[in-house]
Amino acid sequence: MSPLAVGAPSGATPEAPKHAFGTIPASDARAPLGRSQTFSAVPEAPVGSKSLFGSVPPVAPPAELSAPRTASPEAEAAHTSRARGTQPFGLSALPESESSIELPPESDEPFASPGGLSGDFGAMPSTASLGATAQSGSAPRRPPVELPPELLAAGRVSTDSTLEYASGASSSVRPKLLVALLVGLALIAALAYSFLKGREAEIPSAVVEETDRAAVLLRRDDSASREQAIQHVRAVIAKHPRYVEAQAELAVALALNLSDRQADSERLRLKSEAITREKATATKTLPKAERELRLKELQQEAGTVASDAAAQRASIDTLRKELDTQRTLLSKAPEDEPAPAATARLRAQALHAAVLAAPDALALAERLRNAEGAPHVWSTLVRAEYALSANSPPDTLVEVSKALETLRQADSSLLRTYVLGARLALRQKDPAAARSLLDDALALNPGHSMASRLIAQIDATPAAP
């Protein structure tokens, strides 16, 4: 259906005829403007006319449209507006007064309210302003929309919750940033500590050579050389107290001194026992004059031995205290220690435990054996020292003696193996083997005082029947 003019005045166009719904109008009748026509109705063609199937017959234009335009411009504009009007399907034309809608005039200040903007948002205009608007003939403005209090409260709650969430998120982020900052500072401090510690660990070559010289003196195993070694390492420690190798060499030297003091104490004990046995023999076998003289000599000798034994006990106590202090310093090992320093520390701890017959001596000796390479010098010496200090059974003494023999073959310049082998032979009641080892030690180092004292002990002890 073509759009037709809506709202044309009654005087401009004759009233359209009315047809019943579904009837077919005459074929030669023209459809005036404003007329209602049944949807899909087809006008009849005049009788005798010819047309193609499906073609639409021509329709003559209305008389008012074909006639020349003689009306005034105002009338022509009104006619054009009527012709371009829109009318709902199936309705007749509306009067002109009801067919148009007029909008109120726009104000120069579109955002200004009649009553001003004072007060809350959405305030209603005053009655006077509404009356003035009605008198002016224009439609009044629609009053502003005011939201109910529930929606306003919900908006405020949503805003408050958003602010609380933002503040909560900020408060939760701040501790994380603080923790990350502290972790970063700790990492920087750890790296700085490792760097400074590495710089402290860089010992001058002259200091290392001095410590190695002390180790060579300890291999000679005599008391004079050992005292020189102790002086060397004390001088190094005074300048570099964190140098672990020097601290370990000092502990080893003190432990060897303690072992020699214990050997001298044992030697004096055996000598005292021999004097007691000789006293008994002189009392039973010698005549009275000779017996009294011999007993007097033996009594003086026993006094000397007792005095020497007391001095040895005092020296042993002093050495133990000093060695305990040194071992305490070596017990504070860092987590990331170089292998040479760790091995030196373990060597000193194992030797100290072996000399004192500590329960963990053998475990430390095994750890030292795994840490050091062949021929396992210090682990073998630790086991020999422990066997002598702990009064091990004969089977253990034999096993340790064989290990020392193997070590002597591998390192013949280490004099400690000869002295320990001689002491083990004396425990096994084999003075001949002991004397042979002590002679070898004196041949390598004539100033070995411990070897000389042990030889004197062997010579003074009568041979077993």
Protein backbone atom coordinates (compact mmCIF):
# COMPACT_ATOMS: atom_id res chain seq x y z
CA MET A 1 0.00 0.00 0.00
CA SER A 2 1.35 3.38 -1.00
CA PRO A 3 1.61 6.00 1.74
CA LEU A 4 -1.24 8.48 1.45
CA ALA A 5 -1.70 11.95 2.74
CA VAL A 6 -2.87 12.17 6.29
CA GLY A 7 -4.72 14.99 7.90
CA ALA A 8 -5.93 16.78 4.72
CA PRO A 9 -8.63 19.41 5.39
CA SER A 10 -12.22 18.44 4.57
CA GLY A 11 -12.74 21.36 2.23
CA ALA A 12 -9.73 20.69 0.02
CA THR A 13 -10.62 17.17 -1.11
CA PRO A 14 -14.07 15.57 -1.50
CA GLU A 15 -14.88 12.87 0.97
CA ALA A 16 -13.80 9.48 -0.23
CA PRO A 17 -16.56 6.96 -0.89
CA LYS A 18 -16.80 4.05 1.41
CA HIS A 19 -16.73 0.40 0.27
CA ALA A 20 -17.59 -2.72 2.09
CA PHE A 21 -14.70 -4.91 3.18
CA GLY A 22 -13.77 -7.35 0.41
CA THR A 23 -15.84 -5.70 -2.43
CA ILE A 24 -14.14 -4.96 -5.73
CA PRO A 25 -14.46 -1.39 -6.93
CA ALA A 26 -15.24 -0.49 -10.45
CA SER A 27 -12.43 -0.87 -12.89
CA ASP A 28 -12.64 2.66 -14.25
CA ALA A 29 -12.95 4.31 -10.89
CA ARG A 30 -9.99 6.34 -9.69
CA ALA A 31 -8.79 6.02 -6.17
CA PRO A 32 -9.09 9.46 -4.62
CA LEU A 33 -6.65 10.59 -2.06
CA GLY A 34 -7.51 9.53 1.46
CA ARG A 35 -9.47 6.49 0.26
CA SER A 36 -9.20 3.12 1.89
CA GLN A 37 -8.69 0.15 -0.37
CA THR A 38 -8.68 -3.50 0.48
CA PHE A 39 -5.21 -4.95 0.70
CA SER A 40 -4.28 -6.99 -2.44
CA ALA A 41 -7.54 -6.06 -4.23
CA VAL A 42 -7.05 -5.92 -7.98
CA PRO A 43 -9.20 -3.50 -10.02
CA GLU A 44 -11.12 -5.00 -12.89
CA ALA A 45 -10.13 -4.19 -16.41
CA PRO A 46 -12.87 -2.88 -18.73
CA VAL A 47 -14.61 -5.37 -20.91
CA GLY A 48 -12.85 -5.88 -24.20
CA SER A 49 -9.52 -4.55 -23.04
CA LYS A 50 -6.38 -6.59 -23.55
CA SER A 51 -3.56 -6.90 -21.07
CA LEU A 52 -0.70 -9.21 -20.44
CA PHE A 53 -0.98 -11.71 -17.62
CA GLY A 54 0.50 -10.28 -14.49
CA SER A 55 0.79 -6.71 -15.84
CA VAL A 56 -0.64 -3.79 -13.91
CA PRO A 57 -3.12 -1.63 -15.83
CA PRO A 58 -2.23 1.98 -16.09
CA VAL A 59 -3.86 4.35 -13.70
CA ALA A 60 -4.67 7.88 -14.74
CA PRO A 61 -3.37 10.56 -12.46
CA PRO A 62 -5.87 12.57 -10.47
CA ALA A 63 -7.30 15.66 -11.93
CA GLU A 64 -5.91 17.86 -9.21
CA LEU A 65 -2.41 16.53 -9.85
CA SER A 66 -2.57 16.88 -13.67
CA ALA A 67 -4.02 20.38 -13.55
CA PRO A 68 -1.61 23.30 -13.65
CA ARG A 69 -0.66 24.82 -10.34
CA THR A 70 -2.54 28.07 -9.95
CA ALA A 71 -2.89 28.07 -6.23
CA SER A 72 -0.88 30.23 -3.87
CA PRO A 73 2.34 29.04 -2.37
CA GLU A 74 0.68 28.62 1.01
CA ALA A 75 -1.97 26.31 -0.42
CA GLU A 76 0.64 24.36 -2.38
CA ALA A 77 2.69 23.80 0.77
CA ALA A 78 -0.41 22.63 2.61
CA HIS A 79 -1.27 20.28 -0.23
CA THR A 80 2.24 18.86 -0.28
CA SER A 81 2.17 18.26 3.43
CA ARG A 82 -1.12 16.46 3.10
CA ALA A 83 0.12 14.33 0.23
CA ARG A 84 3.22 13.27 2.20
CA GLY A 85 1.31 12.45 5.32
CA THR A 86 1.21 8.94 6.79
CA GLN A 87 -2.04 7.23 7.71
CA PRO A 88 -2.37 3.87 9.46
CA PHE A 89 -3.78 1.08 7.35
CA GLY A 90 -7.54 0.74 7.49
CA LEU A 91 -8.20 4.14 9.19
CA SER A 92 -9.86 7.16 7.75
CA ALA A 93 -8.23 10.51 7.63
CA LEU A 94 -8.04 12.47 10.90
CA PRO A 95 -9.04 16.07 11.32
CA GLU A 96 -6.28 18.59 10.90
CA SER A 97 -6.44 19.61 14.54
CA GLU A 98 -5.74 16.06 15.64
CA SER A 99 -3.34 14.95 12.93
CA SER A 100 -0.29 16.97 14.01
CA ILE A 101 1.82 17.23 17.18
CA GLU A 102 3.57 20.43 18.14
CA LEU A 103 6.73 20.36 20.25
CA PRO A 104 7.39 23.02 22.81
CA PRO A 105 9.85 25.72 21.90
CA GLU A 106 13.48 25.14 22.88
CA SER A 107 14.97 27.40 25.49
CA ASP A 108 18.21 29.25 24.99
CA GLU A 109 19.56 27.60 28.15
CA PRO A 110 18.67 23.94 27.75
CA PHE A 111 20.25 22.87 30.98
CA ALA A 112 18.68 25.53 33.13
CA SER A 113 15.66 24.46 35.14
CA PRO A 114 12.73 26.80 35.68
CA GLY A 115 13.28 26.94 39.35
CA GLY A 116 17.12 27.08 39.27
CA LEU A 117 19.54 24.39 40.31
CA SER A 118 19.55 25.19 43.97
CA GLY A 119 18.81 22.23 46.13
CA ASP A 120 19.03 18.53 45.40
CA PHE A 121 19.27 17.06 41.94
CA GLY A 122 15.95 16.58 40.22
CA ALA A 123 14.04 19.32 42.05
CA MET A 124 10.50 19.88 40.71
CA PRO A 125 9.70 23.22 39.03
CA SER A 126 7.53 25.64 40.91
CA THR A 127 3.77 26.00 40.31
CA ALA A 128 4.15 29.55 39.07
CA SER A 129 6.60 28.55 36.37
CA LEU A 130 4.28 25.76 35.25
CA GLY A 131 1.39 28.17 35.06
CA ALA A 132 3.41 30.60 33.03
CA THR A 133 4.34 27.92 30.63
CA ALA A 134 0.70 26.87 30.21
CA GLN A 135 -0.39 30.47 29.54
CA SER A 136 2.30 30.91 26.92
CA GLY A 137 0.65 28.16 24.87
CA SER A 138 3.63 25.81 24.82
CA ALA A 139 3.74 22.40 26.45
CA PRO A 140 5.51 22.37 29.84
CA ARG A 141 8.89 20.65 30.17
CA ARG A 142 8.94 17.16 31.62
CA PRO A 143 10.07 17.37 35.20
CA PRO A 144 13.53 15.88 36.02
CA VAL A 145 13.56 12.27 37.07
CA GLU A 146 14.41 11.74 40.74
CA LEU A 147 15.77 8.33 41.74
CA PRO A 148 14.27 6.62 44.74
CA PRO A 149 16.33 6.63 47.97
CA GLU A 150 16.97 2.87 47.70
CA LEU A 151 18.83 3.27 44.41
CA LEU A 152 20.79 6.25 45.72
CA ALA A 153 21.73 4.26 48.85
CA ALA A 154 22.74 1.28 46.70
CA GLY A 155 24.92 3.59 44.59
CA ARG A 156 26.58 5.00 47.68
CA VAL A 157 27.15 1.50 49.08
CA SER A 158 28.65 0.38 45.77
CA THR A 159 30.95 3.40 45.75
CA ASP A 160 31.96 2.83 49.38
CA SER A 161 32.62 -0.87 48.71
CA THR A 162 34.71 0.06 45.67
CA LEU A 163 36.74 2.47 47.77
CA GLU A 164 37.09 -0.11 50.52
CA TYR A 165 38.21 -2.72 47.99
CA ALA A 166 40.72 -0.29 46.51
CA SER A 167 42.04 0.59 49.98
CA GLY A 168 42.11 -3.11 50.93
CA ALA A 169 43.96 -4.01 47.76
CA SER A 170 46.41 -1.19 48.41
CA SER A 171 46.91 -2.32 52.01
CA SER A 172 47.50 -5.93 50.84
CA VAL A 173 49.96 -4.83 48.16
CA ARG A 174 52.06 -2.74 50.54
CA PRO A 175 53.17 -5.69 52.76
CA LYS A 176 54.07 -7.68 49.64
CA LEU A 177 56.18 -4.82 48.36
CA LEU A 178 57.82 -4.52 51.78
CA VAL A 179 58.57 -8.25 51.89
CA ALA A 180 60.00 -8.15 48.38
CA LEU A 181 62.17 -5.19 49.35
CA LEU A 182 63.45 -6.99 52.45
CA VAL A 183 64.20 -10.12 50.43
CA GLY A 184 66.12 -8.06 47.92
CA LEU A 185 68.13 -6.37 50.65
CA ALA A 186 68.89 -9.75 52.25
CA LEU A 187 70.06 -11.12 48.92
CA ILE A 188 72.31 -8.12 48.38
CA ALA A 189 73.71 -8.49 51.90
CA ALA A 190 74.38 -12.20 51.31
CA LEU A 191 76.18 -11.48 48.06
CA ALA A 192 78.22 -8.74 49.71
CA TYR A 193 79.08 -11.06 52.60
CA SER A 194 80.18 -13.80 50.19
CA PHE A 195 82.30 -11.30 48.28
CA LEU A 196 83.96 -9.95 51.41
CA LYS A 197 84.40 -13.44 52.76
CA GLY A 198 86.06 -14.50 49.53
CA ARG A 199 88.40 -11.55 49.78
CA GLU A 200 89.25 -12.49 53.35
CA ALA A 201 89.90 -16.07 52.23
CA GLU A 202 92.55 -14.84 49.80
CA ILE A 203 95.62 -15.45 51.95
CA PRO A 204 98.94 -14.05 50.72
CA SER A 205 101.34 -16.57 49.26
CA ALA A 206 103.97 -15.76 51.88
CA VAL A 207 101.54 -16.78 54.63
CA VAL A 208 100.74 -20.05 52.85
CA GLU A 209 104.44 -20.79 52.49
CA GLU A 210 104.98 -20.13 56.18
CA THR A 211 102.22 -22.59 57.07
CA ASP A 212 103.67 -25.20 54.72
CA ARG A 213 107.05 -24.76 56.37
CA ALA A 214 105.46 -25.51 59.71
CA ALA A 215 103.93 -28.69 58.26
CA VAL A 216 107.36 -29.83 57.08
CA LEU A 217 108.76 -29.28 60.59
CA LEU A 218 105.99 -31.41 62.03
CA ARG A 219 107.06 -34.29 59.81
CA ARG A 220 110.42 -34.39 61.61
CA ASP A 221 108.45 -35.25 64.75
CA ASP A 222 111.01 -34.16 67.36
CA SER A 223 110.08 -31.75 70.13
CA ALA A 224 112.42 -28.97 68.98
CA SER A 225 111.08 -28.97 65.42
CA ARG A 226 107.53 -29.10 66.74
CA GLU A 227 108.11 -26.03 68.90
CA GLN A 228 109.42 -24.16 65.87
CA ALA A 229 106.33 -25.16 63.91
CA ILE A 230 104.10 -23.92 66.72
CA GLN A 231 105.87 -20.55 66.70
CA HIS A 232 105.42 -20.24 62.94
CA VAL A 233 101.70 -20.94 62.97
CA ARG A 234 101.11 -18.67 65.96
CA ALA A 235 102.68 -15.82 64.04
CA VAL A 236 100.48 -16.57 61.04
CA ILE A 237 97.33 -16.76 63.17
CA ALA A 238 98.13 -13.43 64.80
CA LYS A 239 97.94 -11.77 61.36
CA HIS A 240 95.26 -13.99 59.82
CA PRO A 241 93.05 -15.45 62.54
CA ARG A 242 90.54 -16.77 59.97
CA TYR A 243 93.12 -18.86 58.13
CA VAL A 244 91.80 -22.35 58.82
CA GLU A 245 94.89 -24.23 57.65
CA ALA A 246 97.08 -22.42 60.17
CA GLN A 247 94.59 -23.03 62.97
CA ALA A 248 94.49 -26.72 62.04
CA GLU A 249 98.30 -27.01 61.99
CA LEU A 250 98.44 -25.51 65.47
CA ALA A 251 95.88 -28.01 66.73
CA VAL A 252 97.81 -30.90 65.15
CA ALA A 253 101.07 -29.75 66.74
CA LEU A 254 99.41 -29.47 70.16
CA ALA A 255 97.84 -32.92 69.76
CA LEU A 256 101.23 -34.47 68.89
CA ASN A 257 102.76 -32.79 71.93
CA LEU A 258 99.98 -34.22 74.08
CA SER A 259 100.56 -37.68 72.63
CA ASP A 260 104.29 -37.47 73.47
CA ARG A 261 103.47 -36.32 77.01
CA GLN A 262 101.20 -39.28 77.42
CA ALA A 263 103.91 -41.58 76.07
CA ASP A 264 106.38 -40.12 78.59
CA SER A 265 103.83 -40.56 81.35
CA GLU A 266 103.42 -44.18 80.37
CA ARG A 267 107.17 -44.62 80.21
CA LEU A 268 107.52 -43.18 83.74
CA ARG A 269 104.74 -45.41 84.96
CA LEU A 270 106.50 -48.47 83.58
CA LYS A 271 109.76 -47.28 85.10
CA SER A 272 108.14 -46.81 88.48
CA GLU A 273 106.73 -50.32 88.28
CA ALA A 274 110.21 -51.66 87.39
CA ILE A 275 111.70 -49.88 90.41
CA THR A 276 109.10 -51.42 92.66
CA ARG A 277 109.86 -54.89 91.32
CA GLU A 278 113.61 -54.28 91.76
CA LYS A 279 113.07 -53.21 95.34
CA ALA A 280 111.32 -56.45 96.05
CA THR A 281 114.11 -58.47 94.42
CA ALA A 282 116.84 -56.60 96.35
CA THR A 283 115.05 -57.15 99.60
CA LYS A 284 114.84 -60.88 98.99
CA THR A 285 118.21 -61.61 97.36
CA LEU A 286 120.86 -59.09 98.43
CA PRO A 287 122.75 -59.22 101.71
CA LYS A 288 121.80 -56.65 104.32
CA ALA A 289 124.65 -54.17 103.64
CA GLU A 290 124.14 -54.22 99.88
CA ARG A 291 120.37 -54.34 100.25
CA GLU A 292 120.24 -51.14 102.25
CA LEU A 293 122.50 -49.36 99.80
CA ARG A 294 120.52 -50.63 96.78
CA LEU A 295 117.22 -49.80 98.33
CA LYS A 296 118.43 -46.28 99.04
CA GLU A 297 119.43 -45.81 95.40
CA LEU A 298 116.14 -47.22 94.18
CA GLN A 299 114.26 -44.94 96.55
CA GLN A 300 116.00 -41.87 95.15
CA GLU A 301 115.31 -43.03 91.62
CA ALA A 302 111.66 -43.63 92.44
CA GLY A 303 111.45 -40.09 93.83
CA THR A 304 112.86 -38.68 90.63
CA VAL A 305 110.42 -40.70 88.57
CA ALA A 306 107.54 -39.56 90.73
CA SER A 307 108.61 -35.94 90.33
CA ASP A 308 108.88 -36.33 86.57
CA ALA A 309 105.50 -38.04 86.44
CA ALA A 310 103.93 -35.15 88.38
CA ALA A 311 105.47 -32.66 85.96
CA GLN A 312 104.15 -34.68 83.06
CA ARG A 313 100.65 -34.72 84.50
CA ALA A 314 100.71 -30.95 84.90
CA SER A 315 101.95 -30.55 81.35
CA ILE A 316 99.22 -32.89 80.10
CA ASP A 317 96.53 -30.89 81.88
CA THR A 318 97.82 -27.64 80.38
CA LEU A 319 97.99 -29.10 76.90
CA ARG A 320 94.48 -30.48 77.18
CA LYS A 321 93.06 -27.10 78.09
CA GLU A 322 94.90 -25.39 75.26
CA LEU A 323 93.91 -28.08 72.81
CA ASP A 324 90.27 -27.89 73.88
CA THR A 325 90.30 -24.16 73.23
CA GLN A 326 91.82 -24.68 69.79
CA ARG A 327 89.32 -27.40 68.95
CA THR A 328 86.46 -25.07 69.93
CA LEU A 329 87.72 -22.54 67.41
CA LEU A 330 87.87 -25.20 64.72
CA SER A 331 84.39 -26.51 65.48
CA LYS A 332 82.76 -23.35 64.05
CA ALA A 333 82.88 -24.40 60.43
CA PRO A 334 81.05 -22.34 57.77
CA GLU A 335 78.56 -23.94 55.40
CA ASP A 336 80.48 -23.28 52.16
CA GLU A 337 84.07 -24.09 53.09
CA PRO A 338 86.73 -24.99 50.53
CA ALA A 339 87.82 -28.63 50.45
CA PRO A 340 91.42 -28.03 51.66
CA ALA A 341 90.23 -26.04 54.65
CA ALA A 342 87.55 -28.63 55.49
CA THR A 343 90.09 -31.47 55.30
CA ALA A 344 92.56 -29.59 57.53
CA ARG A 345 89.82 -28.91 60.05
CA LEU A 346 88.74 -32.57 60.04
CA ARG A 347 92.33 -33.74 60.45
CA ALA A 348 92.82 -31.63 63.58
CA GLN A 349 89.52 -32.74 65.08
CA ALA A 350 90.18 -36.44 64.41
CA LEU A 351 93.71 -36.34 65.87
CA HIS A 352 92.50 -34.51 68.99
CA ALA A 353 89.77 -37.11 69.52
CA ALA A 354 92.21 -40.00 69.00
CA VAL A 355 94.77 -38.71 71.50
CA LEU A 356 92.06 -38.29 74.13
CA ALA A 357 90.46 -41.66 73.23
CA ALA A 358 87.13 -39.95 72.46
CA PRO A 359 84.22 -42.18 71.39
CA ASP A 360 83.91 -40.47 68.00
CA ALA A 361 87.60 -40.86 67.12
CA LEU A 362 87.15 -43.83 64.82
CA ALA A 363 84.20 -42.20 63.04
CA LEU A 364 86.25 -39.07 62.45
CA ALA A 365 89.14 -41.23 61.23
CA GLU A 366 86.85 -42.86 58.67
CA ARG A 367 85.57 -39.48 57.48
CA LEU A 368 89.15 -38.26 57.19
CA ARG A 369 90.08 -41.34 55.18
CA ASN A 370 87.28 -40.57 52.71
CA ALA A 371 88.28 -36.91 52.50
CA GLU A 372 92.04 -37.33 51.98
CA GLY A 373 93.70 -39.16 49.15
CA ALA A 374 96.05 -42.12 49.13
CA PRO A 375 98.16 -43.17 50.98
CA HIS A 376 95.76 -41.94 53.72
CA VAL A 377 98.52 -40.56 55.92
CA TRP A 378 96.62 -38.84 58.69
CA SER A 379 93.74 -41.28 58.95
CA THR A 380 96.28 -44.08 59.55
CA LEU A 381 98.09 -42.03 62.20
CA VAL A 382 94.76 -41.25 63.89
CA ARG A 383 93.88 -44.94 64.16
CA ALA A 384 97.34 -45.71 65.65
CA GLU A 385 97.04 -42.89 68.20
CA TYR A 386 93.59 -44.10 69.22
CA ALA A 387 94.80 -47.71 69.62
CA LEU A 388 97.54 -46.55 72.03
CA SER A 389 95.32 -44.14 74.00
CA ALA A 390 92.32 -46.47 74.31
CA ASN A 391 94.36 -49.60 75.22
CA SER A 392 92.95 -51.50 72.27
CA PRO A 393 93.05 -55.33 72.23
CA PRO A 394 96.03 -57.20 70.71
CA ASP A 395 94.21 -57.96 67.45
CA THR A 396 93.63 -54.28 66.86
CA LEU A 397 97.27 -53.54 67.70
CA VAL A 398 98.43 -56.03 65.09
CA GLU A 399 96.10 -54.58 62.45
CA VAL A 400 97.21 -51.02 63.13
CA SER A 401 100.89 -52.05 63.08
CA LYS A 402 100.44 -53.49 59.60
CA ALA A 403 98.78 -50.30 58.40
CA LEU A 404 101.72 -48.29 59.73
CA GLU A 405 104.14 -50.60 57.94
CA THR A 406 102.31 -49.98 54.66
CA LEU A 407 102.43 -46.24 55.27
CA ARG A 408 106.18 -46.33 56.01
CA GLN A 409 106.78 -48.01 52.69
CA ALA A 410 104.74 -45.34 50.92
CA ASP A 411 106.21 -42.37 52.84
CA SER A 412 109.51 -43.26 54.49
CA SER A 413 110.34 -39.71 55.58
CA LEU A 414 107.34 -39.44 57.93
CA LEU A 415 109.05 -40.13 61.29
CA ARG A 416 105.79 -40.37 63.22
CA THR A 417 105.17 -43.81 61.74
CA TYR A 418 108.40 -45.13 63.27
CA VAL A 419 107.71 -43.84 66.77
CA LEU A 420 104.11 -45.08 66.80
CA GLY A 421 105.21 -48.45 65.41
CA ALA A 422 107.81 -48.78 68.21
CA ARG A 423 105.21 -47.96 70.88
CA LEU A 424 102.83 -50.54 69.44
CA ALA A 425 105.64 -53.12 69.42
CA LEU A 426 106.33 -52.42 73.10
CA ARG A 427 102.63 -52.98 73.83
CA GLN A 428 102.89 -56.32 72.11
CA LYS A 429 105.97 -57.24 74.20
CA ASP A 430 108.31 -57.05 71.21
CA PRO A 431 111.18 -54.77 72.29
CA ALA A 432 113.43 -55.96 69.45
CA ALA A 433 111.02 -54.70 66.79
CA ALA A 434 110.58 -51.50 68.75
CA ARG A 435 114.31 -50.95 68.99
CA SER A 436 114.73 -51.47 65.25
CA LEU A 437 112.12 -48.85 64.43
CA LEU A 438 113.59 -46.37 66.90
CA ASP A 439 117.05 -46.83 65.42
CA ASP A 440 115.63 -45.98 61.99
CA ALA A 441 114.00 -42.87 63.41
CA LEU A 442 117.29 -41.74 64.98
CA ALA A 443 119.06 -42.40 61.71
CA LEU A 444 116.64 -40.09 59.89
CA ASN A 445 116.58 -37.47 62.67
CA PRO A 446 119.33 -37.74 65.28
CA GLY A 447 117.64 -35.04 67.33
CA HIS A 448 114.51 -37.09 67.94
CA SER A 449 114.38 -36.98 71.74
CA MET A 450 111.36 -39.28 72.09
CA ALA A 451 113.16 -42.06 70.19
CA SER A 452 116.15 -41.68 72.49
CA ARG A 453 114.02 -41.92 75.63
CA LEU A 454 112.23 -45.00 74.37
CA ILE A 455 115.54 -46.66 73.56
CA ALA A 456 116.74 -45.91 77.07
CA GLN A 457 113.55 -47.47 78.43
CA ILE A 458 114.13 -50.63 76.39
CA ASP A 459 117.76 -50.86 77.55
CA ALA A 460 116.79 -50.38 81.18
CA THR A 461 114.10 -53.00 81.12
CA PRO A 462 115.50 -56.47 81.81
CA ALA A 463 114.81 -59.08 79.24
CA ALA A 464 111.93 -61.39 79.94
CA PRO A 465 113.03 -64.93 80.94
